[in-house]
Protein backbone atom coordinates (compact mmCIF):
# COMPACT_ATOMS: atom_id res chain seq x y z
CA MET A 1 -0.08 -0.05 -0.03
CA THR A 2 1.42 3.44 -0.91
CA SER A 3 1.78 6.38 1.33
CA GLN A 4 -1.13 8.00 -0.45
CA GLU A 5 -3.29 4.95 -0.09
CA SER A 6 -2.57 4.81 3.69
CA LEU A 7 -3.62 8.46 4.05
CA LEU A 8 -6.86 7.74 2.16
CA ALA A 9 -7.61 4.83 4.17
CA LEU A 10 -7.13 6.85 7.45
CA ASN A 11 -9.27 9.78 5.94
CA LEU A 12 -12.13 7.17 5.24
CA LEU A 13 -12.28 6.09 8.91
CA PRO A 14 -15.50 7.32 10.70
CA GLY A 15 -15.67 9.31 13.85
CA LEU A 16 -12.11 10.79 13.72
CA GLY A 17 -11.75 14.50 13.23
CA PRO A 18 -8.77 16.32 11.73
CA ILE A 19 -7.26 17.29 15.05
CA ARG A 20 -7.02 13.74 16.48
CA LEU A 21 -5.80 12.44 13.08
CA ARG A 22 -3.05 15.16 13.17
CA ARG A 23 -2.11 13.92 16.79
CA LEU A 24 -1.79 10.24 15.35
CA LEU A 25 0.30 11.34 12.51
CA ASP A 26 2.78 13.30 14.80
CA ARG A 27 2.85 10.40 17.14
CA PHE A 28 3.42 7.47 14.66
CA GLY A 29 5.21 9.50 11.82
CA ASP A 30 2.93 8.74 8.95
CA ALA A 31 -0.46 7.06 8.05
CA GLU A 32 0.94 3.57 7.62
CA GLY A 33 2.30 3.76 11.14
CA VAL A 34 -1.12 4.89 12.51
CA LEU A 35 -2.82 1.90 10.74
CA ARG A 36 -0.27 -0.74 12.04
CA ALA A 37 -0.25 0.63 15.46
CA PRO A 38 -1.41 -1.74 18.36
CA GLU A 39 -4.50 -0.84 20.23
CA ALA A 40 -2.70 -0.15 23.45
CA ARG A 41 -0.42 2.38 21.80
CA LEU A 42 -3.20 4.04 19.95
CA THR A 43 -5.23 4.66 23.31
CA ALA A 44 -2.27 6.36 24.83
CA ILE A 45 -2.80 9.30 22.46
CA ASN A 46 -4.77 12.14 23.83
CA GLY A 47 -8.47 11.80 22.64
CA ILE A 48 -8.27 8.42 21.26
CA GLY A 49 -10.40 6.22 23.42
CA PRO A 50 -10.77 2.30 23.11
CA GLU A 51 -13.49 2.49 20.48
CA SER A 52 -11.57 4.65 18.27
CA ALA A 53 -8.51 2.56 18.79
CA ARG A 54 -10.48 -0.55 17.67
CA VAL A 55 -11.85 1.25 14.52
CA ILE A 56 -8.12 2.22 13.43
CA HIS A 57 -6.63 -1.18 14.24
CA ALA A 58 -9.42 -2.99 12.38
CA TRP A 59 -9.44 -0.27 9.68
CA GLU A 60 -10.14 -2.66 6.81
CA ASP A 61 -13.57 -3.44 8.37
CA HIS A 62 -14.59 0.17 8.43
CA ALA A 63 -13.01 1.57 5.15
CA ASP A 64 -13.60 0.35 1.62
CA LEU A 65 -10.20 1.63 0.29
CA GLN A 66 -10.46 -0.34 -2.99
CA GLY A 67 -13.90 0.74 -3.75
CA GLU A 68 -12.92 4.55 -3.02
CA LEU A 69 -10.02 4.15 -5.25
CA SER A 70 -12.09 2.62 -8.04
CA SER A 71 -14.63 5.58 -7.56
CA ILE A 72 -11.76 8.02 -7.88
CA ARG A 73 -10.56 6.57 -11.07
CA SER A 74 -13.99 6.15 -12.74
CA ARG A 75 -14.89 9.73 -11.96
CA GLY A 76 -11.63 11.28 -13.18
CA LEU A 77 -10.62 12.67 -9.78
CA SER A 78 -7.27 12.89 -8.24
CA LEU A 79 -5.93 13.29 -4.82
CA LEU A 80 -4.01 16.25 -3.35
CA THR A 81 -1.67 15.40 -0.28
CA PRO A 82 0.99 17.34 1.60
CA GLU A 83 3.74 15.69 -0.54
CA HIS A 84 2.37 17.58 -3.78
CA ALA A 85 4.08 20.91 -4.72
CA ALA A 86 0.48 22.49 -5.05
CA TRP A 87 -0.52 21.65 -1.39
CA PRO A 88 -1.29 24.92 0.23
CA ALA A 89 1.71 26.11 2.20
CA ALA A 90 -0.69 27.87 4.60
CA PHE A 91 -2.05 24.42 5.83
CA THR A 92 1.39 23.57 7.38
CA HIS A 93 0.53 25.91 10.35
CA LEU A 94 -3.04 24.80 10.84
CA PRO A 95 -3.80 22.27 13.68
CA ASP A 96 -6.83 21.22 11.84
CA ALA A 97 -5.63 21.06 8.33
CA PRO A 98 -7.24 18.37 6.17
CA LEU A 99 -5.17 15.14 5.70
CA LEU A 100 -5.95 15.27 1.99
CA LEU A 101 -8.17 16.73 -0.71
CA TYR A 102 -10.21 15.07 -3.43
CA VAL A 103 -9.74 17.18 -6.65
CA TRP A 104 -11.99 17.47 -9.66
CA GLY A 105 -10.01 19.63 -11.92
CA GLU A 106 -6.62 20.77 -11.17
CA VAL A 107 -4.97 22.56 -8.21
CA GLN A 108 -1.85 24.37 -9.43
CA GLU A 109 1.15 25.98 -7.28
CA ARG A 110 0.05 29.39 -8.15
CA ASP A 111 -3.27 28.74 -6.44
CA THR A 112 -1.39 29.15 -3.14
CA ARG A 113 -1.87 32.93 -3.69
CA ALA A 114 -5.53 32.72 -3.05
CA PHE A 115 -8.33 35.10 -1.84
CA ALA A 116 -11.72 33.96 -0.35
CA ILE A 117 -14.99 35.68 -0.92
CA VAL A 118 -17.94 34.48 1.13
CA GLY A 119 -21.44 35.73 2.11
CA SER A 120 -25.11 34.80 2.38
CA ARG A 121 -26.97 32.19 0.40
CA LYS A 122 -30.07 34.70 0.24
CA THR A 123 -28.57 37.76 -1.29
CA THR A 124 -29.73 40.87 -2.99
CA HIS A 125 -28.93 42.54 -6.36
CA TYR A 126 -26.40 44.76 -4.55
CA GLY A 127 -24.53 41.86 -2.92
CA ARG A 128 -24.26 40.01 -6.29
CA ASN A 129 -23.13 43.02 -8.06
CA CYS A 130 -20.41 43.71 -5.60
CA THR A 131 -19.44 40.14 -5.55
CA ARG A 132 -18.93 39.74 -9.24
CA LYS A 133 -16.96 43.14 -9.38
CA PHE A 134 -14.64 42.38 -6.47
CA SER A 135 -14.01 38.79 -7.76
CA PHE A 136 -13.28 39.92 -11.27
CA GLN A 137 -10.77 42.54 -10.22
CA LEU A 138 -8.97 40.08 -7.80
CA ALA A 139 -8.91 37.26 -10.24
CA HIS A 140 -7.58 39.56 -12.95
CA ALA A 141 -5.02 40.62 -10.68
CA GLY A 142 -3.80 36.93 -10.39
CA PHE A 143 -5.31 35.73 -7.16
CA THR A 144 -7.24 32.37 -7.20
CA ILE A 145 -10.75 33.07 -5.93
CA ILE A 146 -11.90 30.54 -3.30
CA SER A 147 -15.45 30.10 -2.16
CA GLY A 148 -18.02 27.30 -1.33
CA LEU A 149 -20.08 26.75 -4.49
CA ALA A 150 -23.27 27.64 -2.39
CA ARG A 151 -26.15 29.60 -3.70
CA GLY A 152 -25.86 33.50 -3.69
CA ILE A 153 -22.49 35.09 -2.86
CA ASP A 154 -20.45 32.04 -3.44
CA THR A 155 -21.93 31.44 -6.89
CA ALA A 156 -21.37 35.09 -7.92
CA ALA A 157 -17.74 34.85 -6.66
CA HIS A 158 -16.93 31.84 -8.84
CA GLU A 159 -18.78 33.45 -11.80
CA GLY A 160 -16.84 36.73 -11.50
CA ALA A 161 -13.47 34.77 -11.42
CA LEU A 162 -14.41 32.91 -14.55
CA ALA A 163 -15.63 36.19 -16.35
CA ALA A 164 -12.06 37.45 -15.73
CA GLU A 165 -10.76 34.21 -17.28
CA GLY A 166 -8.89 33.71 -13.85
CA ARG A 167 -8.77 30.73 -11.58
CA THR A 168 -11.15 29.75 -8.76
CA ILE A 169 -11.45 26.93 -6.29
CA ALA A 170 -14.81 25.73 -5.00
CA VAL A 171 -14.59 23.90 -1.69
CA LEU A 172 -17.57 21.60 -1.10
CA GLY A 173 -19.12 20.86 2.24
CA SER A 174 -19.93 17.33 0.83
CA GLY A 175 -18.25 14.59 -1.06
CA LEU A 176 -17.68 15.09 -4.73
CA GLY A 177 -20.21 12.41 -5.52
CA GLN A 178 -22.93 14.38 -3.68
CA LEU A 179 -22.31 17.92 -5.10
CA TYR A 180 -24.52 20.55 -3.45
CA PRO A 181 -26.44 22.55 -4.39
CA PRO A 182 -27.28 20.26 -7.37
CA GLU A 183 -28.27 23.28 -9.65
CA ASN A 184 -24.63 24.40 -9.48
CA MET A 185 -23.36 21.25 -11.32
CA ALA A 186 -22.89 23.31 -14.55
CA LEU A 187 -20.79 25.88 -12.78
CA ALA A 188 -18.71 23.23 -11.15
CA GLU A 189 -18.15 21.73 -14.56
CA ARG A 190 -16.93 24.99 -15.78
CA ILE A 191 -14.60 25.48 -13.00
CA ALA A 192 -13.06 21.93 -13.40
CA ASP A 193 -12.77 22.27 -17.13
CA GLY A 194 -9.35 24.32 -17.10
CA HIS A 195 -10.23 27.13 -14.73
CA GLY A 196 -9.46 25.61 -11.37
CA ALA A 197 -10.90 22.87 -9.16
CA VAL A 198 -13.68 21.66 -7.16
CA ILE A 199 -12.39 20.01 -4.03
CA SER A 200 -13.47 18.23 -0.86
CA GLU A 201 -11.75 16.57 2.15
CA PHE A 202 -14.78 14.11 2.54
CA PRO A 203 -14.99 10.67 0.98
CA ILE A 204 -16.89 10.78 -2.16
CA ASP A 205 -20.36 9.72 -1.15
CA THR A 206 -20.50 11.95 1.90
CA ARG A 207 -23.85 13.86 1.91
CA PRO A 208 -23.86 17.53 3.26
CA ASP A 209 -25.10 18.08 6.85
CA THR A 210 -24.83 20.52 9.78
CA HIS A 211 -21.37 19.26 10.56
CA THR A 212 -19.69 19.18 7.11
CA PHE A 213 -20.16 22.96 6.23
CA PRO A 214 -18.27 24.26 9.30
CA GLN A 215 -15.56 21.87 8.37
CA ARG A 216 -15.62 23.03 4.86
CA ASN A 217 -15.32 26.70 6.22
CA ARG A 218 -11.99 26.23 8.01
CA ILE A 219 -10.46 25.16 4.70
CA VAL A 220 -11.48 28.27 2.88
CA ALA A 221 -10.36 30.34 5.84
CA GLY A 222 -7.14 28.43 6.13
CA TRP A 223 -6.19 28.45 2.36
CA CYS A 224 -6.71 32.16 1.69
CA GLU A 225 -4.32 35.04 2.08
CA GLY A 226 -7.31 37.26 2.75
CA LEU A 227 -11.16 36.98 2.94
CA LEU A 228 -13.89 39.28 1.90
CA VAL A 229 -17.42 39.08 3.46
CA VAL A 230 -19.80 40.62 0.93
CA GLU A 231 -23.35 40.27 2.53
CA CYS A 232 -24.79 38.36 5.39
CA PRO A 233 -27.11 38.59 8.30
CA SER A 234 -26.06 38.81 11.87
CA ARG A 235 -26.21 34.99 12.36
CA SER A 236 -24.30 33.42 9.47
CA GLY A 237 -21.85 30.85 8.57
CA SER A 238 -19.80 33.46 6.80
CA LEU A 239 -19.13 35.17 10.13
CA ILE A 240 -17.81 31.96 11.39
CA THR A 241 -15.42 31.72 8.32
CA ALA A 242 -14.33 35.30 8.73
CA ASN A 243 -13.58 34.68 12.44
CA LEU A 244 -11.55 31.68 11.56
CA ALA A 245 -9.56 33.60 9.00
CA GLY A 246 -8.94 36.20 11.73
CA ASP A 247 -7.79 33.58 14.10
CA TYR A 248 -5.38 32.23 11.48
CA GLY A 249 -3.95 35.61 11.05
CA LYS A 250 -5.50 36.41 7.61
CA HIS A 251 -6.60 39.86 6.29
CA VAL A 252 -10.40 40.20 6.88
CA PHE A 253 -12.30 42.72 4.74
CA ALA A 254 -16.05 43.50 4.53
CA ILE A 255 -18.30 45.49 2.22
CA PRO A 256 -20.63 47.93 4.15
CA GLY A 257 -24.36 48.01 3.53
CA GLY A 258 -27.39 49.93 4.52
CA ILE A 259 -28.13 49.94 8.27
CA ASP A 260 -31.71 49.17 7.71
CA ARG A 261 -30.76 46.00 5.60
CA PRO A 262 -30.87 42.70 7.62
CA THR A 263 -28.58 41.25 4.78
CA SER A 264 -25.95 43.71 5.75
CA GLU A 265 -25.99 43.48 9.54
CA GLY A 266 -23.17 40.82 9.58
CA CYS A 267 -20.77 42.91 7.48
CA ASN A 268 -21.51 46.06 9.31
CA GLU A 269 -20.79 44.37 12.59
CA LEU A 270 -17.45 42.97 11.29
CA ILE A 271 -16.42 46.47 10.24
CA ARG A 272 -17.34 47.65 13.65
CA THR A 273 -15.16 45.05 15.30
CA GLY A 274 -12.20 45.47 13.31
CA ALA A 275 -12.58 44.11 9.64
CA ILE A 276 -11.33 46.39 6.97
CA LEU A 277 -13.92 48.44 5.03
CA VAL A 278 -13.59 48.32 1.24
CA THR A 279 -15.60 49.70 -1.72
CA ASP A 280 -13.29 48.58 -4.45
CA GLY A 281 -10.98 45.63 -5.19
CA SER A 282 -7.92 47.93 -5.64
CA GLN A 283 -8.15 48.67 -1.81
CA ILE A 284 -7.69 44.96 -1.21
CA LEU A 285 -4.79 44.72 -3.49
CA ASP A 286 -3.26 47.72 -1.74
CA ASP A 287 -3.15 45.76 1.52
CA LEU A 288 -1.87 42.39 0.03
CA SER A 289 1.64 41.84 -1.15
CA PRO A 290 1.72 42.03 -4.90
CA LEU A 291 1.69 39.11 -7.33
CA PRO A 292 4.36 38.68 -10.04
CA LEU A 293 3.11 40.00 -13.42
CA GLU A 294 3.18 36.59 -14.97
CA ALA A 295 0.54 35.51 -12.46
CA ARG A 296 -2.04 37.93 -13.81
CA THR A 297 -4.72 36.70 -16.25
CA THR A 298 -5.09 37.77 -19.75
CA ALA A 299 -8.78 38.95 -19.56
CA PRO A 300 -9.16 42.36 -21.15
CA VAL A 301 -9.90 45.15 -18.78
CA HIS A 302 -10.23 48.48 -20.25
CA GLU A 303 -10.95 52.01 -18.87
CA PRO A 304 -14.55 53.06 -19.55
CA PHE A 305 -15.00 54.74 -22.83
CA ALA A 306 -18.22 56.37 -24.27
CA ASN A 307 -18.04 55.30 -27.88
CA PRO A 308 -16.69 51.78 -27.91
CA ASP A 309 -14.66 50.68 -30.90
CA LEU A 310 -16.29 47.41 -31.59
CA ALA A 311 -13.21 46.14 -33.27
CA ARG A 312 -11.77 45.82 -29.76
CA LEU A 313 -14.45 43.38 -28.73
CA SER A 314 -14.17 39.67 -28.91
CA GLU A 315 -16.63 37.72 -31.23
CA ASP A 316 -18.68 36.65 -28.05
CA GLU A 317 -18.67 40.29 -26.73
CA SER A 318 -19.71 41.77 -30.06
CA GLN A 319 -22.61 39.20 -30.26
CA VAL A 320 -23.87 40.08 -26.69
CA PHE A 321 -23.22 43.72 -26.91
CA SER A 322 -25.51 43.72 -30.12
CA GLN A 323 -28.40 42.57 -28.19
CA LEU A 324 -28.22 45.45 -25.78
CA THR A 325 -30.39 48.59 -26.23
CA GLY A 326 -31.51 51.29 -23.96
CA GLU A 327 -34.43 49.34 -23.18
CA GLU A 328 -34.40 46.65 -20.39
CA ARG A 329 -33.64 43.12 -21.84
CA SER A 330 -33.83 39.90 -19.74
CA MET A 331 -30.98 37.33 -19.65
CA ASP A 332 -33.22 34.92 -21.55
CA GLN A 333 -33.84 37.41 -24.36
CA ILE A 334 -30.13 38.11 -24.68
CA ILE A 335 -29.25 34.38 -24.76
CA GLU A 336 -31.87 33.69 -27.40
CA GLY A 337 -30.89 36.58 -29.51
CA SER A 338 -27.08 36.00 -29.32
CA GLY A 339 -27.43 32.26 -29.83
CA LEU A 340 -24.72 31.67 -27.21
CA PRO A 341 -24.74 29.21 -24.29
CA ALA A 342 -26.18 30.70 -21.04
CA SER A 343 -22.71 30.39 -19.27
CA THR A 344 -21.06 32.21 -21.98
CA VAL A 345 -23.58 35.09 -22.05
CA ALA A 346 -23.24 35.54 -18.24
CA ALA A 347 -19.54 35.66 -18.30
CA THR A 348 -19.60 38.10 -21.33
CA LEU A 349 -22.20 40.46 -19.76
CA LEU A 350 -19.87 40.77 -16.61
CA ARG A 351 -17.00 41.55 -18.88
CA LEU A 352 -19.08 44.21 -20.72
CA GLU A 353 -20.09 45.58 -17.17
CA MET A 354 -16.38 45.79 -16.00
CA ARG A 355 -15.74 47.84 -19.27
CA SER A 356 -18.83 50.06 -18.42
CA LEU A 357 -20.50 48.93 -21.73
CA ALA A 358 -23.50 47.18 -19.98
CA LYS A 359 -25.45 47.86 -16.86
CA GLN A 360 -27.38 45.22 -14.78
CA LEU A 361 -30.61 46.08 -13.35
CA PRO A 362 -32.60 44.21 -10.70
CA GLY A 363 -34.15 40.82 -11.77
CA SER A 364 -31.33 39.98 -14.12
CA TYR A 365 -32.25 42.70 -16.74
CA PHE A 366 -29.62 44.47 -18.72
CA VAL A 367 -29.31 47.84 -20.66
CA LYS A 368 -26.61 49.26 -22.81
CA SER A 369 -24.53 51.82 -20.72
CA SER A 370 -25.04 55.52 -21.74
């Protein structure tokens, strides 16, 4: 059994959290040493009782290693472990770092320079627009955007990075075989198809529940160099993620909102207690160490201009731009008129917005910018 297979087997065992598993690895040196250890030596480890020791010692009765390996191969997944060059360096200092990550797509060394964007699932037009703008700017600057693939702010964060032709990592609160929410499968496919990766520390068939999402949040907080909360109520998982990031010594930013909006209560409270207020992605970039020029994306970002030279637009941009008028047009109308896939239209509209050529209105309606 290889060292990677031993680590996978250990990760498959039920009832053992990352902190206890890390203690075992520190004591026995590697995963193979843990799996071969006598029960008496296992119970000597703080937090490992007789039942956990029995599970570890008889691990083949509790973990279907070959079945999991077969599923990894058949789904075209890979495993990322600490021995890989692309393993996030920030995990080295985390006491509860994951043992390994299942990867759909590809994690690259440059993804170490990552920025997290999180927020509420129930969001507003204001929140979605802010998220796409900040994600676009940061991805274009070369940061990999990390979020959780959830509805609302997470979805907008991934979409903004894709529109900038940048990289993005989606961290799931479930196994890759139980992708949640299911309506984001098309978005996950776009991410995995050359634009980043969809990842999870959970065995493939793990269903999402109230315990898996907080575990997911610590990976987001631990991986990133900085974290932005866009929009969330006073009680939110996003605030937990932000507090974790602060505990890990990361930069924490927040976008302010109206004091009469419940959706902005969490962000306003974060700002009151020390998070950095930001209104543009450039302010975040000023606070982070710069990326090398070669890390930046090739997405076209131009200064606003009143009379656009259509020759400067790509073919997709020209087709979408031609559908815009001074009258409101829905996303469906633009898709039908352009003949382009919905995902292409959404990304192209965001690029046009960033170039001040299009304006999004509430309800996913668009007009040509004056």
